[in-house]
Amino acid sequence: MNRKINHEYETFQNDSKSQFGTSQFLLNPSRSTVHGDLATPQSRLIALVLDALIFGLGFGVVWIIWFITLAEKGTTPGHHLMGQVIVDADTGIPFRWKKMVIREILIKGVLHWILGSFLFMANYIIDGAFVLTSTQRTLHDLAIGSQVIQRSNKTILRKLNGDEVDNWLNK
């Protein structure tokens, strides 16, 4: 599986050099790591918004079912749609089921919900602001030891790019 992810990442790097627009939005050359380019703060924000929309519009059920199918690959529905994968910051290996549940359900879900009730949701702003630091890791990334890597340019934004909409709809 790591070979497939690495191949997709190499393809992404080559494609991003020859394209303008969405890939520039996704490419973060100043934040390269040994594991790949970090996802940009704006693309991570879009992934968060997509996760929230999927969760809210599907009454949580759609997100949970989709999350169950993606957790073993180290991604959430929102990150998947943005071509991102969550990896161990030390090894670069994508998170598996157990760490994804701890990161997404326990830390980002339950802990944030409990803290938010006491801190008037300020914890979400503080946590998110950490993505603007030099490491581009939020508090929940630091707590679990994760990094969000941009592994593919196959994103929902690219699908919605003007010229590609016709091709996508006509397939």
N, C-alpha and C. Protein backbone atom coordinates (compact mmCIF):
# COMPACT_ATOMS: atom_id res chain seq x y z
N MET A 1 0.82 -1.20 0.00
CA MET A 1 0.00 0.00 0.00
C MET A 1 0.86 1.26 0.00
N ASN A 2 1.99 1.23 0.73
CA ASN A 2 2.86 2.41 0.74
C ASN A 2 3.40 2.73 -0.64
N ARG A 3 3.66 1.69 -1.47
CA ARG A 3 4.11 1.94 -2.82
C ARG A 3 3.07 2.70 -3.61
N LYS A 4 1.81 2.30 -3.45
CA LYS A 4 0.73 2.98 -4.17
C LYS A 4 0.64 4.44 -3.73
N ILE A 5 0.72 4.69 -2.44
CA ILE A 5 0.66 6.06 -1.93
C ILE A 5 1.85 6.86 -2.44
N ASN A 6 3.05 6.27 -2.40
CA ASN A 6 4.24 6.97 -2.90
C ASN A 6 4.12 7.27 -4.38
N HIS A 7 3.57 6.31 -5.17
CA HIS A 7 3.39 6.55 -6.60
C HIS A 7 2.42 7.70 -6.83
N GLU A 8 1.31 7.73 -6.08
CA GLU A 8 0.36 8.83 -6.21
C GLU A 8 1.01 10.15 -5.84
N TYR A 9 1.86 10.14 -4.82
CA TYR A 9 2.53 11.37 -4.41
C TYR A 9 3.51 11.85 -5.48
N GLU A 10 4.29 10.92 -6.06
CA GLU A 10 5.22 11.30 -7.12
C GLU A 10 4.47 11.86 -8.32
N THR A 11 3.34 11.23 -8.67
CA THR A 11 2.51 11.73 -9.77
C THR A 11 1.99 13.12 -9.43
N PHE A 12 1.58 13.31 -8.18
CA PHE A 12 1.09 14.62 -7.74
C PHE A 12 2.18 15.66 -7.88
N GLN A 13 3.40 15.34 -7.46
CA GLN A 13 4.49 16.32 -7.57
C GLN A 13 4.76 16.68 -9.02
N ASN A 14 4.77 15.70 -9.91
CA ASN A 14 5.02 15.97 -11.32
C ASN A 14 3.88 16.77 -11.94
N ASP A 15 2.63 16.41 -11.64
CA ASP A 15 1.48 17.13 -12.17
C ASP A 15 1.45 18.56 -11.67
N SER A 16 1.80 18.76 -10.41
CA SER A 16 1.68 20.09 -9.81
C SER A 16 2.69 21.06 -10.41
N LYS A 17 3.79 20.56 -10.94
CA LYS A 17 4.78 21.44 -11.54
C LYS A 17 4.28 21.99 -12.88
N SER A 18 3.40 21.24 -13.54
CA SER A 18 2.96 21.64 -14.87
C SER A 18 1.59 22.30 -14.88
N GLN A 19 0.95 22.41 -13.74
CA GLN A 19 -0.40 22.97 -13.70
C GLN A 19 -0.41 24.27 -12.92
N PHE A 20 -1.45 25.02 -13.12
CA PHE A 20 -1.65 26.26 -12.39
C PHE A 20 -3.00 26.19 -11.70
N GLY A 21 -3.17 26.90 -10.63
CA GLY A 21 -4.49 26.96 -9.99
C GLY A 21 -4.56 26.07 -8.78
N THR A 22 -5.42 25.04 -8.84
CA THR A 22 -5.68 24.20 -7.69
C THR A 22 -4.41 23.58 -7.13
N SER A 23 -3.54 23.08 -7.99
CA SER A 23 -2.34 22.43 -7.49
C SER A 23 -1.44 23.42 -6.76
N GLN A 24 -1.40 24.67 -7.20
CA GLN A 24 -0.62 25.68 -6.49
C GLN A 24 -1.22 25.92 -5.11
N PHE A 25 -2.52 25.83 -5.04
CA PHE A 25 -3.22 25.99 -3.77
C PHE A 25 -2.87 24.83 -2.83
N LEU A 26 -2.68 23.64 -3.39
CA LEU A 26 -2.39 22.46 -2.60
C LEU A 26 -0.90 22.29 -2.32
N LEU A 27 -0.05 22.68 -3.27
CA LEU A 27 1.38 22.46 -3.14
C LEU A 27 1.97 23.38 -2.08
N ASN A 28 2.81 22.82 -1.26
CA ASN A 28 3.40 23.56 -0.16
C ASN A 28 4.91 23.32 -0.16
N PRO A 29 5.62 23.82 -1.20
CA PRO A 29 7.04 23.49 -1.34
C PRO A 29 7.91 23.98 -0.19
N SER A 30 7.50 25.04 0.48
CA SER A 30 8.30 25.54 1.59
C SER A 30 8.15 24.67 2.83
N ARG A 31 7.22 23.75 2.80
CA ARG A 31 6.96 22.89 3.96
C ARG A 31 7.12 21.42 3.60
N SER A 32 8.19 21.09 2.91
CA SER A 32 8.46 19.70 2.57
C SER A 32 9.06 19.01 3.78
N THR A 33 8.68 17.77 3.96
CA THR A 33 9.25 16.92 5.00
C THR A 33 9.80 15.68 4.32
N VAL A 34 10.46 14.85 5.07
CA VAL A 34 10.95 13.59 4.51
C VAL A 34 9.78 12.68 4.11
N HIS A 35 8.60 12.95 4.62
CA HIS A 35 7.42 12.14 4.34
C HIS A 35 6.59 12.71 3.20
N GLY A 36 6.92 13.91 2.71
CA GLY A 36 6.16 14.55 1.65
C GLY A 36 5.84 15.98 2.02
N ASP A 37 5.12 16.66 1.13
CA ASP A 37 4.73 18.05 1.40
C ASP A 37 3.57 18.08 2.39
N LEU A 38 3.69 18.97 3.37
CA LEU A 38 2.59 19.15 4.30
C LEU A 38 1.40 19.78 3.57
N ALA A 39 0.22 19.40 3.98
CA ALA A 39 -0.98 20.02 3.43
C ALA A 39 -1.01 21.48 3.87
N THR A 40 -1.44 22.37 2.99
CA THR A 40 -1.48 23.79 3.34
C THR A 40 -2.57 24.04 4.38
N PRO A 41 -2.42 25.10 5.16
CA PRO A 41 -3.47 25.42 6.14
C PRO A 41 -4.85 25.59 5.49
N GLN A 42 -4.89 26.24 4.32
CA GLN A 42 -6.19 26.46 3.68
C GLN A 42 -6.81 25.15 3.18
N SER A 43 -5.99 24.21 2.69
CA SER A 43 -6.56 22.94 2.25
C SER A 43 -7.01 22.10 3.44
N ARG A 44 -6.32 22.23 4.57
CA ARG A 44 -6.75 21.53 5.79
C ARG A 44 -8.08 22.11 6.29
N LEU A 45 -8.21 23.44 6.18
CA LEU A 45 -9.47 24.07 6.59
C LEU A 45 -10.62 23.58 5.72
N ILE A 46 -10.38 23.46 4.42
CA ILE A 46 -11.43 22.95 3.53
C ILE A 46 -11.79 21.51 3.90
N ALA A 47 -10.79 20.70 4.22
CA ALA A 47 -11.05 19.32 4.64
C ALA A 47 -11.91 19.29 5.91
N LEU A 48 -11.62 20.18 6.84
CA LEU A 48 -12.42 20.28 8.07
C LEU A 48 -13.86 20.68 7.76
N VAL A 49 -14.02 21.66 6.89
CA VAL A 49 -15.37 22.11 6.51
C VAL A 49 -16.12 20.98 5.81
N LEU A 50 -15.45 20.26 4.92
CA LEU A 50 -16.09 19.12 4.24
C LEU A 50 -16.51 18.05 5.24
N ASP A 51 -15.64 17.74 6.21
CA ASP A 51 -16.00 16.78 7.25
C ASP A 51 -17.24 17.25 8.01
N ALA A 52 -17.27 18.53 8.37
CA ALA A 52 -18.40 19.08 9.12
C ALA A 52 -19.69 19.04 8.29
N LEU A 53 -19.58 19.38 7.02
CA LEU A 53 -20.76 19.33 6.14
C LEU A 53 -21.29 17.91 5.97
N ILE A 54 -20.38 16.97 5.74
CA ILE A 54 -20.78 15.57 5.59
C ILE A 54 -21.41 15.07 6.88
N PHE A 55 -20.81 15.42 8.01
CA PHE A 55 -21.35 15.00 9.30
C PHE A 55 -22.73 15.61 9.54
N GLY A 56 -22.84 16.92 9.30
CA GLY A 56 -24.11 17.60 9.57
C GLY A 56 -25.22 17.21 8.62
N LEU A 57 -24.93 17.15 7.34
CA LEU A 57 -25.96 16.83 6.36
C LEU A 57 -26.38 15.37 6.41
N GLY A 58 -25.48 14.51 6.84
CA GLY A 58 -25.79 13.08 6.93
C GLY A 58 -26.16 12.65 8.33
N PHE A 59 -26.43 13.62 9.22
CA PHE A 59 -26.79 13.35 10.62
C PHE A 59 -25.76 12.46 11.32
N GLY A 60 -24.51 12.59 10.92
CA GLY A 60 -23.43 11.83 11.53
C GLY A 60 -23.27 10.43 10.97
N VAL A 61 -24.35 9.85 10.49
CA VAL A 61 -24.32 8.46 10.03
C VAL A 61 -23.45 8.30 8.79
N VAL A 62 -23.63 9.18 7.81
CA VAL A 62 -22.85 9.10 6.57
C VAL A 62 -21.36 9.25 6.86
N TRP A 63 -21.00 10.23 7.69
CA TRP A 63 -19.59 10.45 8.02
C TRP A 63 -19.01 9.23 8.72
N ILE A 64 -19.73 8.67 9.67
CA ILE A 64 -19.23 7.52 10.44
C ILE A 64 -19.01 6.32 9.53
N ILE A 65 -19.98 6.03 8.66
CA ILE A 65 -19.82 4.90 7.74
C ILE A 65 -18.64 5.13 6.80
N TRP A 66 -18.54 6.35 6.26
CA TRP A 66 -17.44 6.68 5.35
C TRP A 66 -16.11 6.63 6.11
N PHE A 67 -16.10 7.14 7.34
CA PHE A 67 -14.88 7.12 8.16
C PHE A 67 -14.43 5.68 8.42
N ILE A 68 -15.36 4.79 8.69
CA ILE A 68 -15.01 3.39 8.94
C ILE A 68 -14.31 2.78 7.73
N THR A 69 -14.74 3.15 6.53
CA THR A 69 -14.11 2.60 5.32
C THR A 69 -12.76 3.24 5.03
N LEU A 70 -12.52 4.46 5.52
CA LEU A 70 -11.28 5.18 5.21
C LEU A 70 -10.24 5.16 6.33
N ALA A 71 -10.64 4.89 7.55
CA ALA A 71 -9.73 5.01 8.70
C ALA A 71 -8.48 4.15 8.54
N GLU A 72 -8.60 2.97 7.98
CA GLU A 72 -7.45 2.09 7.80
C GLU A 72 -6.42 2.69 6.83
N LYS A 73 -6.84 3.63 6.00
CA LYS A 73 -5.95 4.28 5.04
C LYS A 73 -5.35 5.57 5.60
N GLY A 74 -5.73 5.95 6.81
CA GLY A 74 -5.19 7.15 7.43
C GLY A 74 -5.81 8.43 6.93
N THR A 75 -7.12 8.43 6.73
CA THR A 75 -7.77 9.63 6.24
C THR A 75 -9.22 9.69 6.72
N THR A 76 -9.82 10.86 6.61
CA THR A 76 -11.22 11.06 6.92
C THR A 76 -11.93 11.39 5.61
N PRO A 77 -13.25 11.44 5.59
CA PRO A 77 -13.91 11.83 4.35
C PRO A 77 -13.44 13.18 3.79
N GLY A 78 -13.30 14.18 4.64
CA GLY A 78 -12.85 15.49 4.19
C GLY A 78 -11.42 15.49 3.69
N HIS A 79 -10.53 14.84 4.43
CA HIS A 79 -9.14 14.74 3.99
C HIS A 79 -9.04 13.92 2.70
N HIS A 80 -9.85 12.87 2.60
CA HIS A 80 -9.85 12.04 1.39
C HIS A 80 -10.24 12.86 0.17
N LEU A 81 -11.28 13.66 0.31
CA LEU A 81 -11.73 14.51 -0.80
C LEU A 81 -10.69 15.56 -1.17
N MET A 82 -9.81 15.90 -0.24
CA MET A 82 -8.76 16.88 -0.51
C MET A 82 -7.41 16.23 -0.85
N GLY A 83 -7.38 14.91 -0.98
CA GLY A 83 -6.14 14.23 -1.37
C GLY A 83 -5.09 14.19 -0.27
N GLN A 84 -5.52 14.21 0.98
CA GLN A 84 -4.59 14.26 2.11
C GLN A 84 -4.61 12.95 2.88
N VAL A 85 -3.49 12.67 3.53
CA VAL A 85 -3.40 11.49 4.37
C VAL A 85 -2.74 11.90 5.69
N ILE A 86 -3.15 11.27 6.76
CA ILE A 86 -2.62 11.56 8.09
C ILE A 86 -1.57 10.51 8.40
N VAL A 87 -0.35 10.98 8.65
CA VAL A 87 0.77 10.05 8.87
C VAL A 87 1.39 10.28 10.24
N ASP A 88 2.12 9.29 10.69
CA ASP A 88 2.90 9.42 11.91
C ASP A 88 4.03 10.41 11.61
N ALA A 89 4.19 11.41 12.45
CA ALA A 89 5.18 12.47 12.22
C ALA A 89 6.61 11.94 12.26
N ASP A 90 6.85 10.85 12.96
CA ASP A 90 8.20 10.30 13.06
C ASP A 90 8.53 9.33 11.93
N THR A 91 7.60 8.47 11.60
CA THR A 91 7.88 7.40 10.62
C THR A 91 7.33 7.69 9.23
N GLY A 92 6.30 8.51 9.13
CA GLY A 92 5.68 8.77 7.83
C GLY A 92 4.68 7.71 7.40
N ILE A 93 4.45 6.74 8.25
CA ILE A 93 3.49 5.67 7.94
C ILE A 93 2.08 6.20 8.19
N PRO A 94 1.18 5.99 7.23
CA PRO A 94 -0.20 6.46 7.44
C PRO A 94 -0.81 5.83 8.69
N PHE A 95 -1.57 6.64 9.40
CA PHE A 95 -2.27 6.14 10.59
C PHE A 95 -3.21 5.01 10.20
N ARG A 96 -3.42 4.12 11.12
CA ARG A 96 -4.36 3.01 10.92
C ARG A 96 -5.58 3.25 11.80
N TRP A 97 -6.43 2.28 11.80
CA TRP A 97 -7.73 2.36 12.46
C TRP A 97 -7.66 2.90 13.89
N LYS A 98 -6.82 2.29 14.74
CA LYS A 98 -6.76 2.64 16.17
C LYS A 98 -6.39 4.11 16.38
N LYS A 99 -5.31 4.56 15.74
CA LYS A 99 -4.87 5.95 15.92
C LYS A 99 -5.86 6.93 15.30
N MET A 100 -6.50 6.54 14.21
CA MET A 100 -7.50 7.42 13.59
C MET A 100 -8.70 7.63 14.52
N VAL A 101 -9.13 6.57 15.18
CA VAL A 101 -10.24 6.69 16.13
C VAL A 101 -9.84 7.58 17.30
N ILE A 102 -8.63 7.40 17.81
CA ILE A 102 -8.17 8.25 18.92
C ILE A 102 -8.11 9.70 18.47
N ARG A 103 -7.55 9.95 17.28
CA ARG A 103 -7.39 11.33 16.78
C ARG A 103 -8.73 11.98 16.47
N GLU A 104 -9.56 11.30 15.71
CA GLU A 104 -10.79 11.92 15.21
C GLU A 104 -11.95 11.86 16.20
N ILE A 105 -12.15 10.73 16.84
CA ILE A 105 -13.31 10.56 17.72
C ILE A 105 -13.02 11.04 19.14
N LEU A 106 -11.94 10.54 19.73
CA LEU A 106 -11.67 10.88 21.13
C LEU A 106 -11.12 12.30 21.31
N ILE A 107 -10.08 12.65 20.54
CA ILE A 107 -9.46 13.96 20.73
C ILE A 107 -10.28 15.07 20.07
N LYS A 108 -10.50 14.96 18.76
CA LYS A 108 -11.21 16.03 18.05
C LYS A 108 -12.70 16.03 18.34
N GLY A 109 -13.26 14.90 18.67
CA GLY A 109 -14.69 14.83 18.95
C GLY A 109 -15.02 15.06 20.41
N VAL A 110 -14.79 14.05 21.23
CA VAL A 110 -15.20 14.08 22.63
C VAL A 110 -14.46 15.15 23.43
N LEU A 111 -13.13 15.15 23.36
CA LEU A 111 -12.35 16.10 24.15
C LEU A 111 -12.66 17.55 23.76
N HIS A 112 -12.72 17.82 22.46
CA HIS A 112 -13.05 19.18 22.02
C HIS A 112 -14.47 19.58 22.45
N TRP A 113 -15.39 18.65 22.41
CA TRP A 113 -16.77 18.94 22.81
C TRP A 113 -16.83 19.28 24.30
N ILE A 114 -16.11 18.51 25.11
CA ILE A 114 -16.09 18.77 26.55
C ILE A 114 -15.41 20.11 26.84
N LEU A 115 -14.23 20.33 26.25
CA LEU A 115 -13.52 21.60 26.46
C LEU A 115 -14.34 22.78 25.93
N GLY A 116 -14.98 22.60 24.80
CA GLY A 116 -15.78 23.66 24.20
C GLY A 116 -16.92 24.12 25.10
N SER A 117 -17.48 23.20 25.86
CA SER A 117 -18.57 23.58 26.75
C SER A 117 -18.08 24.46 27.90
N PHE A 118 -16.81 24.34 28.26
CA PHE A 118 -16.24 25.18 29.32
C PHE A 118 -15.58 26.44 28.78
N LEU A 119 -15.02 26.34 27.60
CA LEU A 119 -14.23 27.44 27.05
C LEU A 119 -14.97 28.24 25.97
N PHE A 120 -16.26 28.00 25.85
CA PHE A 120 -17.09 28.71 24.87
C PHE A 120 -16.53 28.56 23.45
N MET A 121 -16.11 27.35 23.14
CA MET A 121 -15.59 26.96 21.83
C MET A 121 -14.25 27.61 21.45
N ALA A 122 -13.60 28.32 22.36
CA ALA A 122 -12.30 28.92 22.08
C ALA A 122 -11.24 27.86 21.79
N ASN A 123 -11.42 26.66 22.31
CA ASN A 123 -10.45 25.59 22.08
C ASN A 123 -10.32 25.26 20.59
N TYR A 124 -11.40 25.38 19.83
CA TYR A 124 -11.33 25.11 18.39
C TYR A 124 -10.44 26.14 17.70
N ILE A 125 -10.56 27.38 18.09
CA ILE A 125 -9.75 28.45 17.49
C ILE A 125 -8.28 28.28 17.87
N ILE A 126 -8.03 28.00 19.15
CA ILE A 126 -6.65 27.81 19.61
C ILE A 126 -6.02 26.60 18.92
N ASP A 127 -6.74 25.50 18.86
CA ASP A 127 -6.24 24.29 18.20
C ASP A 127 -5.93 24.57 16.74
N GLY A 128 -6.85 25.19 16.04
CA GLY A 128 -6.67 25.49 14.62
C GLY A 128 -5.57 26.50 14.35
N ALA A 129 -5.36 27.42 15.25
CA ALA A 129 -4.32 28.44 15.06
C ALA A 129 -2.92 27.83 15.02
N PHE A 130 -2.75 26.70 15.64
CA PHE A 130 -1.44 26.05 15.65
C PHE A 130 -1.01 25.60 14.26
N VAL A 131 -1.95 25.46 13.32
CA VAL A 131 -1.59 25.06 11.96
C VAL A 131 -0.79 26.16 11.27
N LEU A 132 -0.81 27.35 11.82
CA LEU A 132 -0.07 28.48 11.25
C LEU A 132 1.36 28.58 11.78
N THR A 133 1.76 27.65 12.65
CA THR A 133 3.13 27.64 13.16
C THR A 133 4.07 27.04 12.11
N SER A 134 5.35 27.06 12.38
CA SER A 134 6.33 26.57 11.41
C SER A 134 6.17 25.07 11.11
N THR A 135 5.70 24.30 12.07
CA THR A 135 5.51 22.86 11.84
C THR A 135 4.18 22.54 11.19
N GLN A 136 3.27 23.49 11.17
CA GLN A 136 1.92 23.33 10.61
C GLN A 136 1.20 22.13 11.21
N ARG A 137 1.34 21.98 12.52
CA ARG A 137 0.66 20.90 13.23
C ARG A 137 -0.23 21.51 14.30
N THR A 138 -1.48 21.09 14.33
CA THR A 138 -2.42 21.58 15.32
C THR A 138 -2.14 20.92 16.67
N LEU A 139 -2.84 21.35 17.70
CA LEU A 139 -2.66 20.73 19.02
C LEU A 139 -3.00 19.25 18.98
N HIS A 140 -4.09 18.90 18.27
CA HIS A 140 -4.44 17.48 18.22
C HIS A 140 -3.39 16.69 17.42
N ASP A 141 -2.74 17.31 16.44
CA ASP A 141 -1.63 16.65 15.74
C ASP A 141 -0.47 16.40 16.71
N LEU A 142 -0.14 17.40 17.50
CA LEU A 142 0.95 17.27 18.46
C LEU A 142 0.63 16.24 19.53
N ALA A 143 -0.63 16.19 19.97
CA ALA A 143 -1.03 15.26 21.02
C ALA A 143 -0.91 13.80 20.58
N ILE A 144 -1.24 13.52 19.33
CA ILE A 144 -1.23 12.14 18.84
C ILE A 144 0.01 11.82 18.01
N GLY A 145 0.79 12.85 17.64
CA GLY A 145 2.01 12.64 16.86
C GLY A 145 1.77 12.49 15.37
N SER A 146 0.84 13.28 14.83
CA SER A 146 0.50 13.15 13.41
C SER A 146 0.90 14.38 12.60
N GLN A 147 0.96 14.18 11.29
CA GLN A 147 1.14 15.24 10.31
C GLN A 147 0.15 14.97 9.19
N VAL A 148 -0.34 16.03 8.56
CA VAL A 148 -1.23 15.86 7.41
C VAL A 148 -0.42 16.16 6.16
N ILE A 149 -0.31 15.15 5.31
CA ILE A 149 0.51 15.22 4.10
C ILE A 149 -0.40 15.28 2.88
N GLN A 150 -0.04 16.12 1.93
CA GLN A 150 -0.76 16.21 0.65
C GLN A 150 -0.20 15.12 -0.25
N ARG A 151 -0.94 14.03 -0.45
CA ARG A 151 -0.43 12.90 -1.21
C ARG A 151 -0.94 12.85 -2.65
N SER A 152 -1.98 13.57 -2.95
CA SER A 152 -2.56 13.47 -4.28
C SER A 152 -3.17 14.80 -4.69
N ASN A 153 -3.20 15.04 -5.99
CA ASN A 153 -3.90 16.23 -6.47
C ASN A 153 -5.29 15.87 -6.95
N LYS A 154 -5.72 14.64 -6.72
CA LYS A 154 -7.07 14.21 -7.08
C LYS A 154 -8.01 14.67 -5.96
N THR A 155 -8.46 15.90 -6.06
CA THR A 155 -9.28 16.49 -5.01
C THR A 155 -10.63 16.91 -5.55
N ILE A 156 -11.54 17.17 -4.66
CA ILE A 156 -12.84 17.66 -5.06
C ILE A 156 -12.72 19.03 -5.73
N LEU A 157 -11.74 19.83 -5.31
CA LEU A 157 -11.54 21.14 -5.93
C LEU A 157 -11.12 21.00 -7.38
N ARG A 158 -10.27 20.04 -7.65
CA ARG A 158 -9.83 19.81 -9.03
C ARG A 158 -11.00 19.34 -9.87
N LYS A 159 -11.86 18.49 -9.30
CA LYS A 159 -13.04 18.02 -10.02
C LYS A 159 -13.95 19.18 -10.37
N LEU A 160 -13.99 20.18 -9.50
CA LEU A 160 -14.88 21.31 -9.72
C LEU A 160 -14.23 22.43 -10.52
N ASN A 161 -12.99 22.23 -10.97
CA ASN A 161 -12.29 23.22 -11.78
C ASN A 161 -13.02 23.39 -13.11
N GLY A 162 -13.21 24.62 -13.55
CA GLY A 162 -14.00 24.97 -14.72
C GLY A 162 -13.94 24.02 -15.89
N ASP A 163 -12.78 23.81 -16.48
CA ASP A 163 -12.67 22.97 -17.68
C ASP A 163 -12.93 21.50 -17.39
N GLU A 164 -12.69 21.08 -16.18
CA GLU A 164 -12.83 19.66 -15.88
C GLU A 164 -14.24 19.26 -15.48
N VAL A 165 -15.10 20.21 -15.18
CA VAL A 165 -16.46 19.88 -14.78
C VAL A 165 -17.18 19.12 -15.88
N ASP A 166 -17.05 19.57 -17.12
CA ASP A 166 -17.71 18.89 -18.24
C ASP A 166 -17.22 17.45 -18.38
N ASN A 167 -15.90 17.26 -18.28
CA ASN A 167 -15.36 15.90 -18.39
C ASN A 167 -15.85 15.01 -17.27
N TRP A 168 -15.90 15.56 -16.08
CA TRP A 168 -16.34 14.80 -14.90
C TRP A 168 -17.80 14.40 -15.02
N LEU A 169 -18.65 15.34 -15.46
CA LEU A 169 -20.08 15.06 -15.56
C LEU A 169 -20.41 14.16 -16.74
N ASN A 170 -19.60 14.19 -17.78
CA ASN A 170 -19.87 13.42 -18.98
C ASN A 170 -19.24 12.03 -18.98
N LYS A 171 -18.62 11.62 -17.88
CA LYS A 171 -18.01 10.28 -17.82
C LYS A 171 -19.06 9.24 -17.56
